[in-house]
Amino acid sequence: MDTIFDKIISKTIPAKIVLETPRLLAFHDINPQAPVHILVIPKKKAVSMDELREWDDATVGQFFKGIAEVARSVGLNENGYRVVLNTNLHGCQSVNYVHAHILGGHQLSGSFA
């Protein structure tokens, strides 16, 4: 079943794109939780972080390297940012497609749920 992220990749649903490469897509979250809130998704679909263990190391590395590249491209690297990856029910994953949240643009709270 197609998720909202599948539809964004196929350009069926519009998104405010920050960066697109052959391997990933980064775009602004429609419900931002920080002044800068960008989602990064691999174009190779995985339902959750758990599925990344089946990927080759180079592909996983490219995804994480891409996250850092996106953060730098919007100027978050100097003051810092948070990367959040929610996995499955207890991790509060809302879309069944692995994705990273880049949060920044101000001092973030140090607390976690």
PDB file of N, CA and C in Angstrom:
ATOM      1  N   MET A   1       0.843  -1.179   0.000  1.00  0.00           N
ATOM      2  CA  MET A   1       0.000   0.000   0.000  1.00  0.00           C
ATOM      3  C   MET A   1       0.890   1.244   0.000  1.00  0.00           C
ATOM      4  N   ASP A   2       0.540   2.206  -0.824  1.00  0.00           N
ATOM      5  CA  ASP A   2       1.300   3.449  -0.898  1.00  0.00           C
ATOM      6  C   ASP A   2       1.052   4.310   0.327  1.00  0.00           C
ATOM      7  N   THR A   3       2.131   4.878   0.842  1.00  0.00           N
ATOM      8  CA  THR A   3       2.041   5.828   1.948  1.00  0.00           C
ATOM      9  C   THR A   3       2.090   7.238   1.379  1.00  0.00           C
ATOM     10  N   ILE A   4       1.919   8.208   2.238  1.00  0.00           N
ATOM     11  CA  ILE A   4       2.043   9.605   1.810  1.00  0.00           C
ATOM     12  C   ILE A   4       3.445   9.853   1.253  1.00  0.00           C
ATOM     13  N   PHE A   5       4.460   9.167   1.798  1.00  0.00           N
ATOM     14  CA  PHE A   5       5.826   9.370   1.314  1.00  0.00           C
ATOM     15  C   PHE A   5       6.021   8.784  -0.081  1.00  0.00           C
ATOM     16  N   ASP A   6       5.393   7.653  -0.374  1.00  0.00           N
ATOM     17  CA  ASP A   6       5.436   7.101  -1.732  1.00  0.00           C
ATOM     18  C   ASP A   6       4.843   8.114  -2.708  1.00  0.00           C
ATOM     19  N   LYS A   7       3.752   8.753  -2.300  1.00  0.00           N
ATOM     20  CA  LYS A   7       3.081   9.723  -3.164  1.00  0.00           C
ATOM     21  C   LYS A   7       3.904  10.998  -3.332  1.00  0.00           C
ATOM     22  N   ILE A   8       4.649  11.389  -2.313  1.00  0.00           N
ATOM     23  CA  ILE A   8       5.526  12.553  -2.434  1.00  0.00           C
ATOM     24  C   ILE A   8       6.677  12.228  -3.381  1.00  0.00           C
ATOM     25  N   ILE A   9       7.261  11.041  -3.264  1.00  0.00           N
ATOM     26  CA  ILE A   9       8.343  10.632  -4.171  1.00  0.00           C
ATOM     27  C   ILE A   9       7.854  10.621  -5.616  1.00  0.00           C
ATOM     28  N   SER A  10       6.641  10.116  -5.845  1.00  0.00           N
ATOM     29  CA  SER A  10       6.105  10.036  -7.210  1.00  0.00           C
ATOM     30  C   SER A  10       5.546  11.374  -7.698  1.00  0.00           C
ATOM     31  N   LYS A  11       5.595  12.380  -6.827  1.00  0.00           N
ATOM     32  CA  LYS A  11       5.112  13.742  -7.134  1.00  0.00           C
ATOM     33  C   LYS A  11       3.594  13.797  -7.301  1.00  0.00           C
ATOM     34  N   THR A  12       2.883  12.790  -6.764  1.00  0.00           N
ATOM     35  CA  THR A  12       1.428  12.799  -6.752  1.00  0.00           C
ATOM     36  C   THR A  12       0.921  13.801  -5.727  1.00  0.00           C
ATOM     37  N   ILE A  13       1.678  13.947  -4.641  1.00  0.00           N
ATOM     38  CA  ILE A  13       1.377  14.927  -3.592  1.00  0.00           C
ATOM     39  C   ILE A  13       2.532  15.912  -3.561  1.00  0.00           C
ATOM     40  N   PRO A  14       2.236  17.209  -3.554  1.00  0.00           N
ATOM     41  CA  PRO A  14       3.326  18.193  -3.532  1.00  0.00           C
ATOM     42  C   PRO A  14       3.998  18.272  -2.162  1.00  0.00           C
ATOM     43  N   ALA A  15       5.248  18.692  -2.178  1.00  0.00           N
ATOM     44  CA  ALA A  15       6.000  18.899  -0.940  1.00  0.00           C
ATOM     45  C   ALA A  15       6.989  20.031  -1.178  1.00  0.00           C
ATOM     46  N   LYS A  16       7.349  20.709  -0.111  1.00  0.00           N
ATOM     47  CA  LYS A  16       8.355  21.770  -0.180  1.00  0.00           C
ATOM     48  C   LYS A  16       9.722  21.090  -0.041  1.00  0.00           C
ATOM     49  N   ILE A  17      10.307  20.757  -1.182  1.00  0.00           N
ATOM     50  CA  ILE A  17      11.524  19.952  -1.221  1.00  0.00           C
ATOM     51  C   ILE A  17      12.750  20.790  -0.882  1.00  0.00           C
ATOM     52  N   VAL A  18      13.604  20.221  -0.026  1.00  0.00           N
ATOM     53  CA  VAL A  18      14.859  20.839   0.379  1.00  0.00           C
ATOM     54  C   VAL A  18      16.001  20.285  -0.467  1.00  0.00           C
ATOM     55  N   LEU A  19      15.998  18.964  -0.659  1.00  0.00           N
ATOM     56  CA  LEU A  19      17.056  18.303  -1.414  1.00  0.00           C
ATOM     57  C   LEU A  19      16.509  17.013  -1.998  1.00  0.00           C
ATOM     58  N   GLU A  20      16.878  16.752  -3.245  1.00  0.00           N
ATOM     59  CA  GLU A  20      16.514  15.480  -3.871  1.00  0.00           C
ATOM     60  C   GLU A  20      17.739  14.950  -4.585  1.00  0.00           C
ATOM     61  N   THR A  21      18.046  13.692  -4.330  1.00  0.00           N
ATOM     62  CA  THR A  21      19.133  13.002  -5.013  1.00  0.00           C
ATOM     63  C   THR A  21      18.539  11.705  -5.581  1.00  0.00           C
ATOM     64  N   PRO A  22      19.318  10.957  -6.332  1.00  0.00           N
ATOM     65  CA  PRO A  22      18.791   9.677  -6.813  1.00  0.00           C
ATOM     66  C   PRO A  22      18.407   8.716  -5.690  1.00  0.00           C
ATOM     67  N   ARG A  23      18.960   8.936  -4.477  1.00  0.00           N
ATOM     68  CA  ARG A  23      18.734   7.989  -3.386  1.00  0.00           C
ATOM     69  C   ARG A  23      17.847   8.491  -2.264  1.00  0.00           C
ATOM     70  N   LEU A  24      17.652   9.803  -2.150  1.00  0.00           N
ATOM     71  CA  LEU A  24      16.832  10.305  -1.049  1.00  0.00           C
ATOM     72  C   LEU A  24      16.075  11.556  -1.423  1.00  0.00           C
ATOM     73  N   LEU A  25      15.089  11.861  -0.583  1.00  0.00           N
ATOM     74  CA  LEU A  25      14.281  13.053  -0.753  1.00  0.00           C
ATOM     75  C   LEU A  25      14.115  13.688   0.621  1.00  0.00           C
ATOM     76  N   ALA A  26      14.337  14.999   0.696  1.00  0.00           N
ATOM     77  CA  ALA A  26      14.177  15.740   1.948  1.00  0.00           C
ATOM     78  C   ALA A  26      13.200  16.881   1.695  1.00  0.00           C
ATOM     79  N   PHE A  27      12.270  17.068   2.640  1.00  0.00           N
ATOM     80  CA  PHE A  27      11.241  18.090   2.469  1.00  0.00           C
ATOM     81  C   PHE A  27      10.766  18.571   3.832  1.00  0.00           C
ATOM     82  N   HIS A  28      10.183  19.772   3.847  1.00  0.00           N
ATOM     83  CA  HIS A  28       9.682  20.345   5.095  1.00  0.00           C
ATOM     84  C   HIS A  28       8.454  19.588   5.579  1.00  0.00           C
ATOM     85  N   ASP A  29       8.400  19.344   6.890  1.00  0.00           N
ATOM     86  CA  ASP A  29       7.254  18.685   7.513  1.00  0.00           C
ATOM     87  C   ASP A  29       6.065  19.639   7.477  1.00  0.00           C
ATOM     88  N   ILE A  30       4.874  19.127   7.185  1.00  0.00           N
ATOM     89  CA  ILE A  30       3.680  19.979   7.131  1.00  0.00           C
ATOM     90  C   ILE A  30       3.162  20.333   8.518  1.00  0.00           C
ATOM     91  N   ASN A  31       3.667  19.647   9.544  1.00  0.00           N
ATOM     92  CA  ASN A  31       3.287  19.923  10.927  1.00  0.00           C
ATOM     93  C   ASN A  31       4.563  20.090  11.761  1.00  0.00           C
ATOM     94  N   PRO A  32       5.291  21.194  11.542  1.00  0.00           N
ATOM     95  CA  PRO A  32       6.606  21.327  12.171  1.00  0.00           C
ATOM     96  C   PRO A  32       6.555  21.385  13.691  1.00  0.00           C
ATOM     97  N   GLN A  33       7.533  20.714  14.311  1.00  0.00           N
ATOM     98  CA  GLN A  33       7.674  20.680  15.762  1.00  0.00           C
ATOM     99  C   GLN A  33       8.827  21.560  16.238  1.00  0.00           C
ATOM    100  N   ALA A  34       9.480  22.258  15.313  1.00  0.00           N
ATOM    101  CA  ALA A  34      10.586  23.165  15.603  1.00  0.00           C
ATOM    102  C   ALA A  34      10.623  24.180  14.454  1.00  0.00           C
ATOM    103  N   PRO A  35      11.351  25.290  14.626  1.00  0.00           N
ATOM    104  CA  PRO A  35      11.441  26.260  13.534  1.00  0.00           C
ATOM    105  C   PRO A  35      11.909  25.641  12.216  1.00  0.00           C
ATOM    106  N   VAL A  36      12.821  24.685  12.298  1.00  0.00           N
ATOM    107  CA  VAL A  36      13.217  23.911  11.115  1.00  0.00           C
ATOM    108  C   VAL A  36      12.864  22.460  11.411  1.00  0.00           C
ATOM    109  N   HIS A  37      12.020  21.879  10.573  1.00  0.00           N
ATOM    110  CA  HIS A  37      11.613  20.476  10.737  1.00  0.00           C
ATOM    111  C   HIS A  37      11.538  19.872   9.340  1.00  0.00           C
ATOM    112  N   ILE A  38      12.545  19.090   9.026  1.00  0.00           N
ATOM    113  CA  ILE A  38      12.666  18.494   7.698  1.00  0.00           C
ATOM    114  C   ILE A  38      12.610  16.978   7.830  1.00  0.00           C
ATOM    115  N   LEU A  39      11.903  16.354   6.926  1.00  0.00           N
ATOM    116  CA  LEU A  39      11.846  14.892   6.852  1.00  0.00           C
ATOM    117  C   LEU A  39      12.790  14.427   5.749  1.00  0.00           C
ATOM    118  N   VAL A  40      13.519  13.359   6.018  1.00  0.00           N
ATOM    119  CA  VAL A  40      14.412  12.768   5.030  1.00  0.00           C
ATOM    120  C   VAL A  40      13.986  11.325   4.849  1.00  0.00           C
ATOM    121  N   ILE A  41      13.720  10.944   3.597  1.00  0.00           N
ATOM    122  CA  ILE A  41      13.290   9.584   3.294  1.00  0.00           C
ATOM    123  C   ILE A  41      14.181   8.996   2.205  1.00  0.00           C
ATOM    124  N   PRO A  42      14.508   7.721   2.335  1.00  0.00           N
ATOM    125  CA  PRO A  42      15.228   7.070   1.247  1.00  0.00           C
ATOM    126  C   PRO A  42      14.240   6.758   0.125  1.00  0.00           C
ATOM    127  N   LYS A  43      14.710   6.791  -1.096  1.00  0.00           N
ATOM    128  CA  LYS A  43      13.828   6.426  -2.205  1.00  0.00           C
ATOM    129  C   LYS A  43      13.639   4.914  -2.294  1.00  0.00           C
ATOM    130  N   LYS A  44      14.561   4.169  -1.710  1.00  0.00           N
ATOM    131  CA  LYS A  44      14.385   2.717  -1.579  1.00  0.00           C
ATOM    132  C   LYS A  44      13.556   2.514  -0.321  1.00  0.00           C
ATOM    133  N   LYS A  45      12.368   1.975  -0.477  1.00  0.00           N
ATOM    134  CA  LYS A  45      11.425   1.888   0.634  1.00  0.00           C
ATOM    135  C   LYS A  45      11.802   0.824   1.652  1.00  0.00           C
ATOM    136  N   ALA A  46      11.664   1.207   2.907  1.00  0.00           N
ATOM    137  CA  ALA A  46      11.716   0.299   4.044  1.00  0.00           C
ATOM    138  C   ALA A  46      10.587   0.729   4.962  1.00  0.00           C
ATOM    139  N   VAL A  47       9.875  -0.210   5.520  1.00  0.00           N
ATOM    140  CA  VAL A  47       8.730   0.122   6.366  1.00  0.00           C
ATOM    141  C   VAL A  47       9.181   0.749   7.679  1.00  0.00           C
ATOM    142  N   SER A  48      10.276   0.248   8.258  1.00  0.00           N
ATOM    143  CA  SER A  48      10.753   0.784   9.536  1.00  0.00           C
ATOM    144  C   SER A  48      12.268   0.650   9.616  1.00  0.00           C
ATOM    145  N   MET A  49      12.841   1.228  10.664  1.00  0.00           N
ATOM    146  CA  MET A  49      14.277   1.119  10.911  1.00  0.00           C
ATOM    147  C   MET A  49      14.716  -0.336  10.966  1.00  0.00           C
ATOM    148  N   ASP A  50      13.861  -1.193  11.468  1.00  0.00           N
ATOM    149  CA  ASP A  50      14.202  -2.610  11.596  1.00  0.00           C
ATOM    150  C   ASP A  50      14.577  -3.218  10.250  1.00  0.00           C
ATOM    151  N   GLU A  51      13.954  -2.765   9.175  1.00  0.00           N
ATOM    152  CA  GLU A  51      14.253  -3.305   7.846  1.00  0.00           C
ATOM    153  C   GLU A  51      15.617  -2.867   7.327  1.00  0.00           C
ATOM    154  N   LEU A  52      16.193  -1.804   7.889  1.00  0.00           N
ATOM    155  CA  LEU A  52      17.493  -1.347   7.408  1.00  0.00           C
ATOM    156  C   LEU A  52      18.591  -2.378   7.650  1.00  0.00           C
ATOM    157  N   ARG A  53      18.378  -3.280   8.587  1.00  0.00           N
ATOM    158  CA  ARG A  53      19.382  -4.319   8.843  1.00  0.00           C
ATOM    159  C   ARG A  53      19.520  -5.244   7.642  1.00  0.00           C
ATOM    160  N   GLU A  54      18.545  -5.258   6.753  1.00  0.00           N
ATOM    161  CA  GLU A  54      18.590  -6.082   5.554  1.00  0.00           C
ATOM    162  C   GLU A  54      19.271  -5.373   4.390  1.00  0.00           C
ATOM    163  N   TRP A  55      19.504  -4.073   4.520  1.00  0.00           N
ATOM    164  CA  TRP A  55      20.155  -3.304   3.463  1.00  0.00           C
ATOM    165  C   TRP A  55      21.666  -3.487   3.542  1.00  0.00           C
ATOM    166  N   ASP A  56      22.326  -3.257   2.419  1.00  0.00           N
ATOM    167  CA  ASP A  56      23.788  -3.303   2.450  1.00  0.00           C
ATOM    168  C   ASP A  56      24.307  -2.056   3.169  1.00  0.00           C
ATOM    169  N   ASP A  57      25.516  -2.175   3.701  1.00  0.00           N
ATOM    170  CA  ASP A  57      26.089  -1.093   4.508  1.00  0.00           C
ATOM    171  C   ASP A  57      26.198   0.218   3.733  1.00  0.00           C
ATOM    172  N   ALA A  58      26.535   0.142   2.455  1.00  0.00           N
ATOM    173  CA  ALA A  58      26.697   1.361   1.660  1.00  0.00           C
ATOM    174  C   ALA A  58      25.380   2.123   1.549  1.00  0.00           C
ATOM    175  N   THR A  59      24.281   1.433   1.364  1.00  0.00           N
ATOM    176  CA  THR A  59      22.976   2.083   1.227  1.00  0.00           C
ATOM    177  C   THR A  59      22.552   2.723   2.539  1.00  0.00           C
ATOM    178  N   VAL A  60      22.749   2.018   3.650  1.00  0.00           N
ATOM    179  CA  VAL A  60      22.427   2.593   4.964  1.00  0.00           C
ATOM    180  C   VAL A  60      23.303   3.815   5.210  1.00  0.00           C
ATOM    181  N   GLY A  61      24.575   3.696   4.914  1.00  0.00           N
ATOM    182  CA  GLY A  61      25.495   4.813   5.101  1.00  0.00           C
ATOM    183  C   GLY A  61      25.119   6.022   4.271  1.00  0.00           C
ATOM    184  N   GLN A  62      24.683   5.797   3.042  1.00  0.00           N
ATOM    185  CA  GLN A  62      24.278   6.903   2.175  1.00  0.00           C
ATOM    186  C   GLN A  62      23.057   7.620   2.726  1.00  0.00           C
ATOM    187  N   PHE A  63      22.137   6.875   3.344  1.00  0.00           N
ATOM    188  CA  PHE A  63      20.957   7.487   3.949  1.00  0.00           C
ATOM    189  C   PHE A  63      21.389   8.410   5.090  1.00  0.00           C
ATOM    190  N   PHE A  64      22.235   7.903   5.982  1.00  0.00           N
ATOM    191  CA  PHE A  64      22.663   8.719   7.124  1.00  0.00           C
ATOM    192  C   PHE A  64      23.558   9.877   6.698  1.00  0.00           C
ATOM    193  N   LYS A  65      24.393   9.659   5.725  1.00  0.00           N
ATOM    194  CA  LYS A  65      25.214  10.740   5.200  1.00  0.00           C
ATOM    195  C   LYS A  65      24.318  11.812   4.569  1.00  0.00           C
ATOM    196  N   GLY A  66      23.263  11.379   3.911  1.00  0.00           N
ATOM    197  CA  GLY A  66      22.305  12.317   3.314  1.00  0.00           C
ATOM    198  C   GLY A  66      21.616  13.178   4.363  1.00  0.00           C
ATOM    199  N   ILE A  67      21.309  12.595   5.521  1.00  0.00           N
ATOM    200  CA  ILE A  67      20.687  13.354   6.607  1.00  0.00           C
ATOM    201  C   ILE A  67      21.615  14.498   7.022  1.00  0.00           C
ATOM    202  N   ALA A  68      22.905  14.186   7.196  1.00  0.00           N
ATOM    203  CA  ALA A  68      23.878  15.212   7.568  1.00  0.00           C
ATOM    204  C   ALA A  68      24.004  16.271   6.477  1.00  0.00           C
ATOM    205  N   GLU A  69      23.960  15.859   5.225  1.00  0.00           N
ATOM    206  CA  GLU A  69      24.052  16.790   4.099  1.00  0.00           C
ATOM    207  C   GLU A  69      22.862  17.753   4.089  1.00  0.00           C
ATOM    208  N   VAL A  70      21.680  17.238   4.354  1.00  0.00           N
ATOM    209  CA  VAL A  70      20.483  18.083   4.390  1.00  0.00           C
ATOM    210  C   VAL A  70      20.597  19.100   5.517  1.00  0.00           C
ATOM    211  N   ALA A  71      20.996  18.651   6.707  1.00  0.00           N
ATOM    212  CA  ALA A  71      21.134  19.564   7.850  1.00  0.00           C
ATOM    213  C   ALA A  71      22.124  20.678   7.525  1.00  0.00           C
ATOM    214  N   ARG A  72      23.230  20.331   6.913  1.00  0.00           N
ATOM    215  CA  ARG A  72      24.230  21.337   6.532  1.00  0.00           C
ATOM    216  C   ARG A  72      23.671  22.290   5.479  1.00  0.00           C
ATOM    217  N   SER A  73      22.908  21.761   4.531  1.00  0.00           N
ATOM    218  CA  SER A  73      22.392  22.598   3.434  1.00  0.00           C
ATOM    219  C   SER A  73      21.427  23.673   3.911  1.00  0.00           C
ATOM    220  N   VAL A  74      20.801  23.457   5.072  1.00  0.00           N
ATOM    221  CA  VAL A  74      19.884  24.478   5.614  1.00  0.00           C
ATOM    222  C   VAL A  74      20.522  25.236   6.778  1.00  0.00           C
ATOM    223  N   GLY A  75      21.825  25.039   6.982  1.00  0.00           N
ATOM    224  CA  GLY A  75      22.563  25.827   7.951  1.00  0.00           C
ATOM    225  C   GLY A  75      22.450  25.397   9.402  1.00  0.00           C
ATOM    226  N   LEU A  76      22.062  24.160   9.656  1.00  0.00           N
ATOM    227  CA  LEU A  76      21.903  23.708  11.035  1.00  0.00           C
ATOM    228  C   LEU A  76      23.190  23.153  11.650  1.00  0.00           C
ATOM    229  N   ASN A  77      24.197  22.906  10.838  1.00  0.00           N
ATOM    230  CA  ASN A  77      25.394  22.234  11.330  1.00  0.00           C
ATOM    231  C   ASN A  77      26.167  23.049  12.363  1.00  0.00           C
ATOM    232  N   GLU A  78      26.157  24.365  12.274  1.00  0.00           N
ATOM    233  CA  GLU A  78      26.963  25.177  13.196  1.00  0.00           C
ATOM    234  C   GLU A  78      26.418  25.163  14.622  1.00  0.00           C
ATOM    235  N   ASN A  79      25.130  25.410  14.800  1.00  0.00           N
ATOM    236  CA  ASN A  79      24.546  25.469  16.139  1.00  0.00           C
ATOM    237  C   ASN A  79      23.998  24.135  16.618  1.00  0.00           C
ATOM    238  N   GLY A  80      23.767  23.208  15.708  1.00  0.00           N
ATOM    239  CA  GLY A  80      23.299  21.881  16.084  1.00  0.00           C
ATOM    240  C   GLY A  80      21.852  21.616  15.747  1.00  0.00           C
ATOM    241  N   TYR A  81      21.491  20.364  15.848  1.00  0.00           N
ATOM    242  CA  TYR A  81      20.153  19.902  15.493  1.00  0.00           C
ATOM    243  C   TYR A  81      19.947  18.520  16.094  1.00  0.00           C
ATOM    244  N   ARG A  82      18.727  18.065  16.036  1.00  0.00           N
ATOM    245  CA  ARG A  82      18.380  16.727  16.519  1.00  0.00           C
ATOM    246  C   ARG A  82      17.875  15.905  15.339  1.00  0.00           C
ATOM    247  N   VAL A  83      18.239  14.633  15.318  1.00  0.00           N
ATOM    248  CA  VAL A  83      17.725  13.693  14.323  1.00  0.00           C
ATOM    249  C   VAL A  83      16.924  12.645  15.086  1.00  0.00           C
ATOM    250  N   VAL A  84      15.662  12.454  14.674  1.00  0.00           N
ATOM    251  CA  VAL A  84      14.774  11.505  15.342  1.00  0.00           C
ATOM    252  C   VAL A  84      14.286  10.494  14.307  1.00  0.00           C
ATOM    253  N   LEU A  85      14.372   9.221  14.675  1.00  0.00           N
ATOM    254  CA  LEU A  85      13.841   8.145  13.846  1.00  0.00           C
ATOM    255  C   LEU A  85      12.910   7.321  14.726  1.00  0.00           C
ATOM    256  N   ASN A  86      11.617   7.396  14.470  1.00  0.00           N
ATOM    257  CA  ASN A  86      10.624   6.643  15.237  1.00  0.00           C
ATOM    258  C   ASN A  86      10.422   5.280  14.573  1.00  0.00           C
ATOM    259  N   THR A  87      10.313   4.246  15.402  1.00  0.00           N
ATOM    260  CA  THR A  87      10.166   2.905  14.854  1.00  0.00           C
ATOM    261  C   THR A  87       9.009   2.159  15.507  1.00  0.00           C
ATOM    262  N   ASN A  88       8.067   1.756  14.684  1.00  0.00           N
ATOM    263  CA  ASN A  88       6.934   0.916  15.082  1.00  0.00           C
ATOM    264  C   ASN A  88       6.049   1.579  16.148  1.00  0.00           C
ATOM    265  N   LEU A  89       5.128   0.818  16.699  1.00  0.00           N
ATOM    266  CA  LEU A  89       4.074   1.337  17.578  1.00  0.00           C
ATOM    267  C   LEU A  89       4.617   2.061  18.806  1.00  0.00           C
ATOM    268  N   HIS A  90       5.465   1.415  19.564  1.00  0.00           N
ATOM    269  CA  HIS A  90       5.958   2.026  20.799  1.00  0.00           C
ATOM    270  C   HIS A  90       6.905   3.188  20.534  1.00  0.00           C
ATOM    271  N   GLY A  91       7.458   3.255  19.350  1.00  0.00           N
ATOM    272  CA  GLY A  91       8.315   4.372  18.962  1.00  0.00           C
ATOM    273  C   GLY A  91       7.543   5.519  18.335  1.00  0.00           C
ATOM    274  N   CYS A  92       6.215   5.370  18.276  1.00  0.00           N
ATOM    275  CA  CYS A  92       5.318   6.407  17.729  1.00  0.00           C
ATOM    276  C   CYS A  92       5.550   6.688  16.248  1.00  0.00           C
ATOM    277  N   GLN A  93       5.868   5.657  15.471  1.00  0.00           N
ATOM    278  CA  GLN A  93       6.026   5.822  14.027  1.00  0.00           C
ATOM    279  C   GLN A  93       4.648   6.035  13.422  1.00  0.00           C
ATOM    280  N   SER A  94       4.458   7.160  12.724  1.00  0.00           N
ATOM    281  CA  SER A  94       3.138   7.503  12.194  1.00  0.00           C
ATOM    282  C   SER A  94       2.946   7.123  10.727  1.00  0.00           C
ATOM    283  N   VAL A  95       4.033   6.948   9.978  1.00  0.00           N
ATOM    284  CA  VAL A  95       3.956   6.553   8.572  1.00  0.00           C
ATOM    285  C   VAL A  95       4.823   5.305   8.409  1.00  0.00           C
ATOM    286  N   ASN A  96       4.279   4.277   7.803  1.00  0.00           N
ATOM    287  CA  ASN A  96       5.009   3.020   7.621  1.00  0.00           C
ATOM    288  C   ASN A  96       5.998   3.130   6.461  1.00  0.00           C
ATOM    289  N   TYR A  97       6.970   3.992   6.671  1.00  0.00           N
ATOM    290  CA  TYR A  97       8.052   4.231   5.708  1.00  0.00           C
ATOM    291  C   TYR A  97       9.172   4.849   6.527  1.00  0.00           C
ATOM    292  N   VAL A  98      10.337   4.245   6.531  1.00  0.00           N
ATOM    293  CA  VAL A  98      11.426   4.771   7.356  1.00  0.00           C
ATOM    294  C   VAL A  98      11.712   6.222   6.966  1.00  0.00           C
ATOM    295  N   HIS A  99      11.852   7.064   7.976  1.00  0.00           N
ATOM    296  CA  HIS A  99      12.134   8.476   7.727  1.00  0.00           C
ATOM    297  C   HIS A  99      12.795   9.092   8.943  1.00  0.00           C
ATOM    298  N   ALA A 100      13.609  10.089   8.679  1.00  0.00           N
ATOM    299  CA  ALA A 100      14.301  10.806   9.746  1.00  0.00           C
ATOM    300  C   ALA A 100      13.725  12.208   9.836  1.00  0.00           C
ATOM    301  N   HIS A 101      13.554  12.675  11.066  1.00  0.00           N
ATOM    302  CA  HIS A 101      13.147  14.052  11.328  1.00  0.00           C
ATOM    303  C   HIS A 101      14.404  14.828  11.704  1.00  0.00           C
ATOM    304  N   ILE A 102      14.680  15.919  11.011  1.00  0.00           N
ATOM    305  CA  ILE A 102      15.744  16.834  11.400  1.00  0.00           C
ATOM    306  C   ILE A 102      15.062  18.026  12.050  1.00  0.00           C
ATOM    307  N   LEU A 103      15.387  18.282  13.304  1.00  0.00           N
ATOM    308  CA  LEU A 103      14.758  19.362  14.069  1.00  0.00           C
ATOM    309  C   LEU A 103      15.838  20.345  14.523  1.00  0.00           C
ATOM    310  N   GLY A 104      15.583  21.623  14.325  1.00  0.00           N
ATOM    311  CA  GLY A 104      16.551  22.630  14.748  1.00  0.00           C
ATOM    312  C   GLY A 104      16.010  24.029  14.563  1.00  0.00           C
ATOM    313  N   GLY A 105      16.928  24.974  14.602  1.00  0.00           N
ATOM    314  CA  GLY A 105      16.552  26.363  14.407  1.00  0.00           C
ATOM    315  C   GLY A 105      16.405  27.123  15.712  1.00  0.00           C
ATOM    316  N   HIS A 106      16.492  26.435  16.840  1.00  0.00           N
ATOM    317  CA  HIS A 106      16.511  27.066  18.161  1.00  0.00           C
ATOM    318  C   HIS A 106      17.033  26.054  19.180  1.00  0.00           C
ATOM    319  N   GLN A 107      17.231  26.500  20.401  1.00  0.00           N
ATOM    320  CA  GLN A 107      17.675  25.588  21.463  1.00  0.00           C
ATOM    321  C   GLN A 107      16.578  24.580  21.744  1.00  0.00           C
ATOM    322  N   LEU A 108      16.873  23.305  21.574  1.00  0.00           N
ATOM    323  CA  LEU A 108      15.902  22.253  21.832  1.00  0.00           C
ATOM    324  C   LEU A 108      15.961  21.834  23.292  1.00  0.00           C
ATOM    325  N   SER A 109      14.866  21.347  23.802  1.00  0.00           N
ATOM    326  CA  SER A 109      14.805  20.831  25.163  1.00  0.00           C
ATOM    327  C   SER A 109      15.619  19.554  25.255  1.00  0.00           C
ATOM    328  N   GLY A 110      16.215  19.322  26.388  1.00  0.00           N
ATOM    329  CA  GLY A 110      17.012  18.120  26.583  1.00  0.00           C
ATOM    330  C   GLY A 110      16.205  16.928  27.044  1.00  0.00           C
ATOM    331  N   SER A 111      14.895  17.080  27.193  1.00  0.00           N
ATOM    332  CA  SER A 111      14.087  16.001  27.742  1.00  0.00           C
ATOM    333  C   SER A 111      13.577  15.057  26.653  1.00  0.00           C
ATOM    334  N   PHE A 112      13.383  13.809  27.049  1.00  0.00           N
ATOM    335  CA  PHE A 112      12.813  12.791  26.164  1.00  0.00           C
ATOM    336  C   PHE A 112      11.676  12.104  26.910  1.00  0.00           C
ATOM    337  N   ALA A 113      10.721  11.595  26.145  1.00  0.00           N
ATOM    338  CA  ALA A 113       9.568  10.904  26.744  1.00  0.00           C
ATOM    339  C   ALA A 113       9.988   9.579  27.318  1.00  0.00           C
TER     340      ALA A 113
END
